[in-house]
Amino acid sequence: MRAIVNIGLKKGVLDDQGKAINNALGTLGFKDLINDVRVGKQIIIELNTNDKSKAEAEVTQMCEKLLANTVIEDYTIEIVG
């Protein structure tokens, strides 16, 4: 079983890296296509369980304790496999 965790800054938190990418893409000719850019990270965890609910609970604890800074970041978890 695999957990895919997507982590990004909460709405309202300044994303300097996203802003820089947005500006660079505008300079490259994509200005009319792009409204906003936000940068995040994805963590893929291979799990040793076939219990989907247990896996989600454990990965949630991982996010709360280490993987995400819940003061400024939101996360989503997808359990596959």
PDB file of N, CA and C in Angstrom:
ATOM      1  N   MET A   1       0.849  -1.166   0.000  1.00  0.00           N
ATOM      2  CA  MET A   1       0.000   0.000   0.000  1.00  0.00           C
ATOM      3  C   MET A   1       0.900   1.236   0.000  1.00  0.00           C
ATOM      4  N   ARG A   2       0.431   2.282  -0.632  1.00  0.00           N
ATOM      5  CA  ARG A   2       1.218   3.503  -0.766  1.00  0.00           C
ATOM      6  C   ARG A   2       0.390   4.704  -0.311  1.00  0.00           C
ATOM      7  N   ALA A   3       1.052   5.628   0.373  1.00  0.00           N
ATOM      8  CA  ALA A   3       0.421   6.889   0.761  1.00  0.00           C
ATOM      9  C   ALA A   3       1.078   8.008  -0.032  1.00  0.00           C
ATOM     10  N   ILE A   4       0.241   8.840  -0.641  1.00  0.00           N
ATOM     11  CA  ILE A   4       0.732  10.019  -1.346  1.00  0.00           C
ATOM     12  C   ILE A   4       0.263  11.230  -0.547  1.00  0.00           C
ATOM     13  N   VAL A   5       1.224  11.976  -0.035  1.00  0.00           N
ATOM     14  CA  VAL A   5       0.938  13.138   0.793  1.00  0.00           C
ATOM     15  C   VAL A   5       1.331  14.394   0.018  1.00  0.00           C
ATOM     16  N   ASN A   6       0.380  15.283  -0.196  1.00  0.00           N
ATOM     17  CA  ASN A   6       0.639  16.561  -0.848  1.00  0.00           C
ATOM     18  C   ASN A   6       0.547  17.657   0.207  1.00  0.00           C
ATOM     19  N   ILE A   7       1.597  18.473   0.276  1.00  0.00           N
ATOM     20  CA  ILE A   7       1.698  19.511   1.292  1.00  0.00           C
ATOM     21  C   ILE A   7       1.916  20.854   0.601  1.00  0.00           C
ATOM     22  N   GLY A   8       1.163  21.856   1.030  1.00  0.00           N
ATOM     23  CA  GLY A   8       1.320  23.192   0.473  1.00  0.00           C
ATOM     24  C   GLY A   8       1.001  24.246   1.515  1.00  0.00           C
ATOM     25  N   LEU A   9       1.438  25.448   1.234  1.00  0.00           N
ATOM     26  CA  LEU A   9       1.172  26.544   2.158  1.00  0.00           C
ATOM     27  C   LEU A   9      -0.319  26.841   2.218  1.00  0.00           C
ATOM     28  N   LYS A  10      -0.791  27.205   3.392  1.00  0.00           N
ATOM     29  CA  LYS A  10      -2.196  27.567   3.560  1.00  0.00           C
ATOM     30  C   LYS A  10      -2.502  28.830   2.761  1.00  0.00           C
ATOM     31  N   LYS A  11      -3.761  28.951   2.381  1.00  0.00           N
ATOM     32  CA  LYS A  11      -4.212  30.150   1.695  1.00  0.00           C
ATOM     33  C   LYS A  11      -3.932  31.355   2.588  1.00  0.00           C
ATOM     34  N   GLY A  12      -3.381  32.391   2.021  1.00  0.00           N
ATOM     35  CA  GLY A  12      -3.055  33.584   2.785  1.00  0.00           C
ATOM     36  C   GLY A  12      -1.613  33.640   3.250  1.00  0.00           C
ATOM     37  N   VAL A  13      -0.907  32.508   3.201  1.00  0.00           N
ATOM     38  CA  VAL A  13       0.512  32.501   3.562  1.00  0.00           C
ATOM     39  C   VAL A  13       1.307  32.838   2.296  1.00  0.00           C
ATOM     40  N   LEU A  14       2.199  33.819   2.404  1.00  0.00           N
ATOM     41  CA  LEU A  14       2.986  34.264   1.268  1.00  0.00           C
ATOM     42  C   LEU A  14       3.852  33.134   0.725  1.00  0.00           C
ATOM     43  N   ASP A  15       3.766  32.900  -0.580  1.00  0.00           N
ATOM     44  CA  ASP A  15       4.542  31.858  -1.243  1.00  0.00           C
ATOM     45  C   ASP A  15       5.553  32.539  -2.174  1.00  0.00           C
ATOM     46  N   ASP A  16       6.732  32.883  -1.631  1.00  0.00           N
ATOM     47  CA  ASP A  16       7.753  33.579  -2.411  1.00  0.00           C
ATOM     48  C   ASP A  16       8.207  32.777  -3.629  1.00  0.00           C
ATOM     49  N   GLN A  17       8.361  31.476  -3.456  1.00  0.00           N
ATOM     50  CA  GLN A  17       8.807  30.630  -4.561  1.00  0.00           C
ATOM     51  C   GLN A  17       7.745  30.587  -5.662  1.00  0.00           C
ATOM     52  N   GLY A  18       6.488  30.470  -5.287  1.00  0.00           N
ATOM     53  CA  GLY A  18       5.405  30.480  -6.263  1.00  0.00           C
ATOM     54  C   GLY A  18       5.335  31.797  -7.014  1.00  0.00           C
ATOM     55  N   LYS A  19       5.537  32.894  -6.296  1.00  0.00           N
ATOM     56  CA  LYS A  19       5.516  34.219  -6.914  1.00  0.00           C
ATOM     57  C   LYS A  19       6.659  34.358  -7.915  1.00  0.00           C
ATOM     58  N   ALA A  20       7.850  33.872  -7.549  1.00  0.00           N
ATOM     59  CA  ALA A  20       9.001  33.936  -8.455  1.00  0.00           C
ATOM     60  C   ALA A  20       8.748  33.121  -9.723  1.00  0.00           C
ATOM     61  N   ILE A  21       8.163  31.941  -9.570  1.00  0.00           N
ATOM     62  CA  ILE A  21       7.847  31.103 -10.732  1.00  0.00           C
ATOM     63  C   ILE A  21       6.789  31.774 -11.600  1.00  0.00           C
ATOM     64  N   ASN A  22       5.776  32.356 -10.961  1.00  0.00           N
ATOM     65  CA  ASN A  22       4.724  33.063 -11.681  1.00  0.00           C
ATOM     66  C   ASN A  22       5.331  34.186 -12.530  1.00  0.00           C
ATOM     67  N   ASN A  23       6.218  34.967 -11.921  1.00  0.00           N
ATOM     68  CA  ASN A  23       6.865  36.066 -12.650  1.00  0.00           C
ATOM     69  C   ASN A  23       7.722  35.543 -13.802  1.00  0.00           C
ATOM     70  N   ALA A  24       8.478  34.473 -13.557  1.00  0.00           N
ATOM     71  CA  ALA A  24       9.337  33.910 -14.602  1.00  0.00           C
ATOM     72  C   ALA A  24       8.507  33.370 -15.763  1.00  0.00           C
ATOM     73  N   LEU A  25       7.410  32.693 -15.457  1.00  0.00           N
ATOM     74  CA  LEU A  25       6.546  32.175 -16.517  1.00  0.00           C
ATOM     75  C   LEU A  25       5.920  33.314 -17.315  1.00  0.00           C
ATOM     76  N   GLY A  26       5.584  34.406 -16.634  1.00  0.00           N
ATOM     77  CA  GLY A  26       5.070  35.580 -17.335  1.00  0.00           C
ATOM     78  C   GLY A  26       6.091  36.140 -18.301  1.00  0.00           C
ATOM     79  N   THR A  27       7.350  36.188 -17.866  1.00  0.00           N
ATOM     80  CA  THR A  27       8.431  36.661 -18.716  1.00  0.00           C
ATOM     81  C   THR A  27       8.634  35.755 -19.930  1.00  0.00           C
ATOM     82  N   LEU A  28       8.345  34.475 -19.770  1.00  0.00           N
ATOM     83  CA  LEU A  28       8.509  33.505 -20.860  1.00  0.00           C
ATOM     84  C   LEU A  28       7.313  33.467 -21.809  1.00  0.00           C
ATOM     85  N   GLY A  29       6.344  34.336 -21.583  1.00  0.00           N
ATOM     86  CA  GLY A  29       5.222  34.432 -22.507  1.00  0.00           C
ATOM     87  C   GLY A  29       3.940  33.752 -22.052  1.00  0.00           C
ATOM     88  N   PHE A  30       3.884  33.299 -20.815  1.00  0.00           N
ATOM     89  CA  PHE A  30       2.695  32.604 -20.313  1.00  0.00           C
ATOM     90  C   PHE A  30       1.825  33.495 -19.431  1.00  0.00           C
ATOM     91  N   LYS A  31       2.074  34.795 -19.432  1.00  0.00           N
ATOM     92  CA  LYS A  31       1.391  35.729 -18.535  1.00  0.00           C
ATOM     93  C   LYS A  31      -0.138  35.664 -18.646  1.00  0.00           C
ATOM     94  N   ASP A  32      -0.663  35.576 -19.867  1.00  0.00           N
ATOM     95  CA  ASP A  32      -2.119  35.564 -20.066  1.00  0.00           C
ATOM     96  C   ASP A  32      -2.761  34.242 -19.657  1.00  0.00           C
ATOM     97  N   LEU A  33      -1.966  33.196 -19.547  1.00  0.00           N
ATOM     98  CA  LEU A  33      -2.480  31.869 -19.238  1.00  0.00           C
ATOM     99  C   LEU A  33      -2.546  31.598 -17.735  1.00  0.00           C
ATOM    100  N   ILE A  34      -1.668  32.235 -16.970  1.00  0.00           N
ATOM    101  CA  ILE A  34      -1.496  31.898 -15.553  1.00  0.00           C
ATOM    102  C   ILE A  34      -2.149  32.939 -14.658  1.00  0.00           C
ATOM    103  N   ASN A  35      -2.911  32.477 -13.697  1.00  0.00           N
ATOM    104  CA  ASN A  35      -3.511  33.351 -12.705  1.00  0.00           C
ATOM    105  C   ASN A  35      -2.654  33.401 -11.440  1.00  0.00           C
ATOM    106  N   ASP A  36      -2.178  32.239 -10.965  1.00  0.00           N
ATOM    107  CA  ASP A  36      -1.398  32.164  -9.736  1.00  0.00           C
ATOM    108  C   ASP A  36      -0.601  30.867  -9.730  1.00  0.00           C
ATOM    109  N   VAL A  37       0.513  30.862  -9.031  1.00  0.00           N
ATOM    110  CA  VAL A  37       1.335  29.662  -8.869  1.00  0.00           C
ATOM    111  C   VAL A  37       1.606  29.474  -7.386  1.00  0.00           C
ATOM    112  N   ARG A  38       1.372  28.265  -6.898  1.00  0.00           N
ATOM    113  CA  ARG A  38       1.698  27.899  -5.524  1.00  0.00           C
ATOM    114  C   ARG A  38       2.607  26.674  -5.582  1.00  0.00           C
ATOM    115  N   VAL A  39       3.644  26.668  -4.765  1.00  0.00           N
ATOM    116  CA  VAL A  39       4.600  25.570  -4.749  1.00  0.00           C
ATOM    117  C   VAL A  39       4.372  24.736  -3.500  1.00  0.00           C
ATOM    118  N   GLY A  40       4.429  23.437  -3.662  1.00  0.00           N
ATOM    119  CA  GLY A  40       4.269  22.522  -2.535  1.00  0.00           C
ATOM    120  C   GLY A  40       5.248  21.377  -2.662  1.00  0.00           C
ATOM    121  N   LYS A  41       4.999  20.349  -1.895  1.00  0.00           N
ATOM    122  CA  LYS A  41       5.849  19.154  -1.974  1.00  0.00           C
ATOM    123  C   LYS A  41       4.969  17.919  -1.905  1.00  0.00           C
ATOM    124  N   GLN A  42       5.484  16.842  -2.463  1.00  0.00           N
ATOM    125  CA  GLN A  42       4.778  15.565  -2.436  1.00  0.00           C
ATOM    126  C   GLN A  42       5.705  14.531  -1.811  1.00  0.00           C
ATOM    127  N   ILE A  43       5.160  13.775  -0.871  1.00  0.00           N
ATOM    128  CA  ILE A  43       5.904  12.706  -0.208  1.00  0.00           C
ATOM    129  C   ILE A  43       5.161  11.408  -0.464  1.00  0.00           C
ATOM    130  N   ILE A  44       5.880  10.410  -0.970  1.00  0.00           N
ATOM    131  CA  ILE A  44       5.289   9.101  -1.253  1.00  0.00           C
ATOM    132  C   ILE A  44       5.886   8.104  -0.264  1.00  0.00           C
ATOM    133  N   ILE A  45       5.006   7.431   0.464  1.00  0.00           N
ATOM    134  CA  ILE A  45       5.427   6.507   1.522  1.00  0.00           C
ATOM    135  C   ILE A  45       4.903   5.116   1.198  1.00  0.00           C
ATOM    136  N   GLU A  46       5.782   4.151   1.127  1.00  0.00           N
ATOM    137  CA  GLU A  46       5.398   2.751   0.961  1.00  0.00           C
ATOM    138  C   GLU A  46       5.078   2.191   2.347  1.00  0.00           C
ATOM    139  N   LEU A  47       3.891   1.632   2.495  1.00  0.00           N
ATOM    140  CA  LEU A  47       3.409   1.165   3.795  1.00  0.00           C
ATOM    141  C   LEU A  47       3.364  -0.357   3.872  1.00  0.00           C
ATOM    142  N   ASN A  48       3.539  -0.883   5.066  1.00  0.00           N
ATOM    143  CA  ASN A  48       3.485  -2.326   5.313  1.00  0.00           C
ATOM    144  C   ASN A  48       2.152  -2.712   5.936  1.00  0.00           C
ATOM    145  N   THR A  49       1.069  -2.331   5.290  1.00  0.00           N
ATOM    146  CA  THR A  49      -0.259  -2.697   5.780  1.00  0.00           C
ATOM    147  C   THR A  49      -1.225  -2.762   4.612  1.00  0.00           C
ATOM    148  N   ASN A  50      -2.269  -3.545   4.765  1.00  0.00           N
ATOM    149  CA  ASN A  50      -3.340  -3.597   3.771  1.00  0.00           C
ATOM    150  C   ASN A  50      -4.630  -2.985   4.319  1.00  0.00           C
ATOM    151  N   ASP A  51      -4.564  -2.446   5.518  1.00  0.00           N
ATOM    152  CA  ASP A  51      -5.711  -1.826   6.179  1.00  0.00           C
ATOM    153  C   ASP A  51      -5.731  -0.337   5.834  1.00  0.00           C
ATOM    154  N   LYS A  52      -6.619   0.046   4.930  1.00  0.00           N
ATOM    155  CA  LYS A  52      -6.658   1.421   4.422  1.00  0.00           C
ATOM    156  C   LYS A  52      -6.940   2.446   5.523  1.00  0.00           C
ATOM    157  N   SER A  53      -7.872   2.146   6.409  1.00  0.00           N
ATOM    158  CA  SER A  53      -8.207   3.107   7.463  1.00  0.00           C
ATOM    159  C   SER A  53      -7.051   3.267   8.455  1.00  0.00           C
ATOM    160  N   LYS A  54      -6.375   2.168   8.774  1.00  0.00           N
ATOM    161  CA  LYS A  54      -5.212   2.243   9.666  1.00  0.00           C
ATOM    162  C   LYS A  54      -4.100   3.044   9.000  1.00  0.00           C
ATOM    163  N   ALA A  55      -3.882   2.787   7.719  1.00  0.00           N
ATOM    164  CA  ALA A  55      -2.848   3.503   6.986  1.00  0.00           C
ATOM    165  C   ALA A  55      -3.110   5.004   6.997  1.00  0.00           C
ATOM    166  N   GLU A  56      -4.355   5.398   6.733  1.00  0.00           N
ATOM    167  CA  GLU A  56      -4.682   6.815   6.709  1.00  0.00           C
ATOM    168  C   GLU A  56      -4.492   7.448   8.091  1.00  0.00           C
ATOM    169  N   ALA A  57      -4.882   6.748   9.129  1.00  0.00           N
ATOM    170  CA  ALA A  57      -4.715   7.264  10.490  1.00  0.00           C
ATOM    171  C   ALA A  57      -3.237   7.442  10.842  1.00  0.00           C
ATOM    172  N   GLU A  58      -2.433   6.457  10.482  1.00  0.00           N
ATOM    173  CA  GLU A  58      -1.000   6.528  10.790  1.00  0.00           C
ATOM    174  C   GLU A  58      -0.315   7.636   9.997  1.00  0.00           C
ATOM    175  N   VAL A  59      -0.648   7.765   8.719  1.00  0.00           N
ATOM    176  CA  VAL A  59      -0.032   8.811   7.898  1.00  0.00           C
ATOM    177  C   VAL A  59      -0.484  10.194   8.368  1.00  0.00           C
ATOM    178  N   THR A  60      -1.714  10.300   8.833  1.00  0.00           N
ATOM    179  CA  THR A  60      -2.178  11.569   9.412  1.00  0.00           C
ATOM    180  C   THR A  60      -1.312  11.946  10.609  1.00  0.00           C
ATOM    181  N   GLN A  61      -1.002  10.986  11.463  1.00  0.00           N
ATOM    182  CA  GLN A  61      -0.127  11.255  12.608  1.00  0.00           C
ATOM    183  C   GLN A  61       1.265  11.675  12.148  1.00  0.00           C
ATOM    184  N   MET A  62       1.769  11.028  11.087  1.00  0.00           N
ATOM    185  CA  MET A  62       3.078  11.405  10.537  1.00  0.00           C
ATOM    186  C   MET A  62       3.074  12.864  10.090  1.00  0.00           C
ATOM    187  N   CYS A  63       1.994  13.257   9.417  1.00  0.00           N
ATOM    188  CA  CYS A  63       1.874  14.644   8.946  1.00  0.00           C
ATOM    189  C   CYS A  63       1.810  15.617  10.103  1.00  0.00           C
ATOM    190  N   GLU A  64       1.011  15.287  11.094  1.00  0.00           N
ATOM    191  CA  GLU A  64       0.824  16.180  12.239  1.00  0.00           C
ATOM    192  C   GLU A  64       2.099  16.313  13.079  1.00  0.00           C
ATOM    193  N   LYS A  65       2.883  15.231  13.154  1.00  0.00           N
ATOM    194  CA  LYS A  65       4.076  15.232  14.005  1.00  0.00           C
ATOM    195  C   LYS A  65       5.344  15.681  13.294  1.00  0.00           C
ATOM    196  N   LEU A  66       5.440  15.451  11.973  1.00  0.00           N
ATOM    197  CA  LEU A  66       6.723  15.711  11.304  1.00  0.00           C
ATOM    198  C   LEU A  66       6.615  16.285   9.896  1.00  0.00           C
ATOM    199  N   LEU A  67       5.797  15.693   9.066  1.00  0.00           N
ATOM    200  CA  LEU A  67       5.857  15.996   7.642  1.00  0.00           C
ATOM    201  C   LEU A  67       5.354  17.386   7.269  1.00  0.00           C
ATOM    202  N   ALA A  68       4.349  17.888   7.964  1.00  0.00           N
ATOM    203  CA  ALA A  68       3.780  19.198   7.645  1.00  0.00           C
ATOM    204  C   ALA A  68       3.891  20.138   8.847  1.00  0.00           C
ATOM    205  N   ASN A  69       4.137  21.383   8.559  1.00  0.00           N
ATOM    206  CA  ASN A  69       4.071  22.416   9.595  1.00  0.00           C
ATOM    207  C   ASN A  69       2.642  22.929   9.575  1.00  0.00           C
ATOM    208  N   THR A  70       1.808  22.372  10.426  1.00  0.00           N
ATOM    209  CA  THR A  70       0.367  22.632  10.356  1.00  0.00           C
ATOM    210  C   THR A  70      -0.018  24.064  10.717  1.00  0.00           C
ATOM    211  N   VAL A  71       0.928  24.851  11.187  1.00  0.00           N
ATOM    212  CA  VAL A  71       0.651  26.261  11.444  1.00  0.00           C
ATOM    213  C   VAL A  71       0.505  27.008  10.119  1.00  0.00           C
ATOM    214  N   ILE A  72       1.352  26.649   9.133  1.00  0.00           N
ATOM    215  CA  ILE A  72       1.341  27.375   7.860  1.00  0.00           C
ATOM    216  C   ILE A  72       1.048  26.492   6.653  1.00  0.00           C
ATOM    217  N   GLU A  73       0.942  25.172   6.852  1.00  0.00           N
ATOM    218  CA  GLU A  73       0.740  24.275   5.718  1.00  0.00           C
ATOM    219  C   GLU A  73      -0.518  23.418   5.884  1.00  0.00           C
ATOM    220  N   ASP A  74      -1.144  23.130   4.754  1.00  0.00           N
ATOM    221  CA  ASP A  74      -2.234  22.154   4.669  1.00  0.00           C
ATOM    222  C   ASP A  74      -1.684  20.912   3.986  1.00  0.00           C
ATOM    223  N   TYR A  75      -2.340  19.785   4.203  1.00  0.00           N
ATOM    224  CA  TYR A  75      -1.926  18.559   3.523  1.00  0.00           C
ATOM    225  C   TYR A  75      -3.138  17.731   3.158  1.00  0.00           C
ATOM    226  N   THR A  76      -2.940  16.909   2.125  1.00  0.00           N
ATOM    227  CA  THR A  76      -3.940  15.904   1.745  1.00  0.00           C
ATOM    228  C   THR A  76      -3.231  14.563   1.682  1.00  0.00           C
ATOM    229  N   ILE A  77      -4.002  13.520   1.960  1.00  0.00           N
ATOM    230  CA  ILE A  77      -3.457  12.160   1.940  1.00  0.00           C
ATOM    231  C   ILE A  77      -4.306  11.321   0.985  1.00  0.00           C
ATOM    232  N   GLU A  78      -3.623  10.568   0.117  1.00  0.00           N
ATOM    233  CA  GLU A  78      -4.290   9.616  -0.750  1.00  0.00           C
ATOM    234  C   GLU A  78      -3.652   8.254  -0.520  1.00  0.00           C
ATOM    235  N   ILE A  79      -4.459   7.278  -0.142  1.00  0.00           N
ATOM    236  CA  ILE A  79      -3.965   5.910   0.065  1.00  0.00           C
ATOM    237  C   ILE A  79      -4.316   5.107  -1.188  1.00  0.00           C
ATOM    238  N   VAL A  80      -3.311   4.505  -1.805  1.00  0.00           N
ATOM    239  CA  VAL A  80      -3.521   3.719  -3.030  1.00  0.00           C
ATOM    240  C   VAL A  80      -2.882   2.341  -2.885  1.00  0.00           C
ATOM    241  N   GLY A  81      -3.434   1.422  -3.663  1.00  0.00           N
ATOM    242  CA  GLY A  81      -2.833   0.090  -3.691  1.00  0.00           C
ATOM    243  C   GLY A  81      -3.455  -0.893  -2.841  1.00  0.00           C
TER     244      GLY A  81
END
